[in-house]
Structure formats: C-alpha cells, structure tokens
Amino acid sequence: MSKPPKAYRRFVERYPQLGQAWETIGEAGKEGPLDERTCRLIKLALAIGALREGAVHSSVRKALAMDIAPEELEQVVALAAGTLGMPATVAAFTWINDELDKAQS
C-alpha cells in the first residue's frame, strides 16, 4: 500500500499521540464479522455521505490496493444518489474518478 499523503505524515510527526490514537481507533473498528473488503466499501460510503473529499480519495486508493474493481467503487457512489441528491453524488463521483484517473496513468 502506498504511504499516506504528506500533509498527514507531517501532522502525525507534529502530533504523534494523535496519530497513535487514530491508529488505535482504526484497529478497533476492524473487530467484528465484516471482512476487510466489505469494511473498505462501507468506509468509502461513509466518506461519500460525509462529503469528505480527502477521505474519499484515501478510501479509493486503499480499495484499489485491495484489488476492488473501479465498477464496485462507482456503484457505491451510485447507491448514495437517493440519499445525497445529484450535486453531492456528482461531486463524490468526481473524487472517485480523480483517483481512478491517477491509477490509470
């Protein structure tokens, strides 16, 4: 998996305890019956629903590293349309495609 973005790395260097706490939260969330693939798609859906562009980008990169197909990622954003409305859904679609385009180049 690729290393986190520079801004994240700098933040964690400056605030290592917050970085450690963040890692602990992430690990705790993995406990349960859902497999890693399902968890990744749910995390993408949550990032989309919260309209967190950076989290969507990160989630897409992690999903691609897990060999989750672009079509699966696009289906997650399509499922959000009824809840988010068209403008937010199109925004999320562009965020996903930002990463898909990078991965193809």
Protein backbone atom coordinates (compact mmCIF):
# COMPACT_ATOMS: atom_id res chain seq x y z
CA MET A 1 0.00 0.00 0.00
CA SER A 2 1.22 3.50 -0.73
CA LYS A 3 2.33 5.78 2.05
CA PRO A 4 -0.11 8.36 3.43
CA PRO A 5 -0.19 11.87 1.94
CA LYS A 6 2.49 14.35 3.00
CA ALA A 7 0.05 16.50 5.00
CA TYR A 8 -0.99 13.50 7.11
CA ARG A 9 2.61 12.44 7.69
CA ARG A 10 3.59 15.95 8.77
CA PHE A 11 0.61 16.16 11.12
CA VAL A 12 1.48 12.83 12.75
CA GLU A 13 5.12 13.86 13.08
CA ARG A 14 3.98 17.00 14.88
CA TYR A 15 1.32 15.23 16.99
CA PRO A 16 2.44 11.61 17.41
CA GLN A 17 -0.06 10.84 20.18
CA LEU A 18 -2.96 11.87 17.94
CA GLY A 19 -1.54 9.68 15.19
CA GLN A 20 -1.30 6.75 17.58
CA ALA A 21 -4.86 7.35 18.81
CA TRP A 22 -6.08 7.44 15.21
CA GLU A 23 -4.40 4.10 14.50
CA THR A 24 -5.98 2.61 17.63
CA ILE A 25 -9.45 3.78 16.56
CA GLY A 26 -8.91 2.26 13.12
CA GLU A 27 -7.82 -1.07 14.56
CA ALA A 28 -10.74 -1.19 16.99
CA GLY A 29 -13.18 -0.69 14.12
CA LYS A 30 -11.89 -3.83 12.43
CA GLU A 31 -13.19 -6.04 15.22
CA GLY A 32 -16.32 -7.86 14.11
CA PRO A 33 -17.72 -10.19 11.47
CA LEU A 34 -17.29 -7.97 8.38
CA ASP A 35 -14.44 -8.86 6.05
CA GLU A 36 -11.82 -6.31 5.02
CA ARG A 37 -13.32 -5.75 1.57
CA THR A 38 -16.79 -5.02 2.95
CA CYS A 39 -15.29 -2.68 5.55
CA ARG A 40 -13.43 -0.76 2.85
CA LEU A 41 -16.60 -0.27 0.78
CA ILE A 42 -18.52 0.85 3.88
CA LYS A 43 -15.77 3.31 4.76
CA LEU A 44 -15.96 4.69 1.22
CA ALA A 45 -19.73 5.05 1.57
CA LEU A 46 -19.31 6.88 4.87
CA ALA A 47 -16.74 9.24 3.37
CA ILE A 48 -19.10 9.93 0.48
CA GLY A 49 -22.03 10.52 2.82
CA ALA A 50 -19.98 12.90 4.96
CA LEU A 51 -18.79 14.70 1.80
CA ARG A 52 -15.16 14.32 2.86
CA GLU A 53 -13.18 14.65 -0.36
CA GLY A 54 -9.85 13.67 1.20
CA ALA A 55 -11.37 10.61 2.86
CA VAL A 56 -12.96 9.55 -0.44
CA HIS A 57 -9.60 9.89 -2.20
CA SER A 58 -7.88 7.88 0.54
CA SER A 59 -10.54 5.21 0.57
CA VAL A 60 -10.37 4.80 -3.20
CA ARG A 61 -6.58 4.44 -3.11
CA LYS A 62 -6.85 1.80 -0.38
CA ALA A 63 -9.63 -0.01 -2.25
CA LEU A 64 -7.60 -0.13 -5.45
CA ALA A 65 -4.65 -1.52 -3.49
CA MET A 66 -7.02 -4.29 -2.34
CA ASP A 67 -7.97 -5.02 -5.97
CA ILE A 68 -11.50 -3.72 -5.56
CA ALA A 69 -12.76 -3.00 -9.06
CA PRO A 70 -13.48 0.57 -10.20
CA GLU A 71 -17.02 -0.51 -11.08
CA GLU A 72 -17.61 -1.51 -7.46
CA LEU A 73 -16.43 1.89 -6.26
CA GLU A 74 -18.68 3.62 -8.76
CA GLN A 75 -21.64 1.52 -7.61
CA VAL A 76 -21.11 2.78 -4.05
CA VAL A 77 -21.43 6.37 -5.24
CA ALA A 78 -24.48 5.48 -7.35
CA LEU A 79 -26.14 3.98 -4.26
CA ALA A 80 -25.63 7.31 -2.48
CA ALA A 81 -27.61 9.29 -5.06
CA GLY A 82 -31.03 8.75 -3.50
CA THR A 83 -29.81 9.96 -0.12
CA LEU A 84 -27.35 12.69 -1.08
CA GLY A 85 -29.01 14.17 -4.14
CA MET A 86 -27.46 14.77 -7.51
CA PRO A 87 -24.95 17.60 -6.84
CA ALA A 88 -23.27 15.80 -3.93
CA THR A 89 -23.32 12.49 -5.80
CA VAL A 90 -21.66 14.02 -8.85
CA ALA A 91 -19.04 15.62 -6.59
CA ALA A 92 -18.29 12.24 -4.99
CA PHE A 93 -18.16 10.63 -8.43
CA THR A 94 -15.51 13.14 -9.50
CA TRP A 95 -13.49 12.47 -6.32
CA ILE A 96 -13.52 8.74 -7.06
CA ASN A 97 -12.50 9.39 -10.64
CA ASP A 98 -9.65 11.65 -9.51
CA GLU A 99 -8.02 8.56 -8.05
CA LEU A 100 -9.08 6.20 -10.82
CA ASP A 101 -7.52 8.54 -13.38
CA LYS A 102 -4.27 8.69 -11.37
CA ALA A 103 -4.18 4.90 -11.13
CA GLN A 104 -4.53 4.55 -14.89
CA SER A 105 -1.71 6.96 -15.71
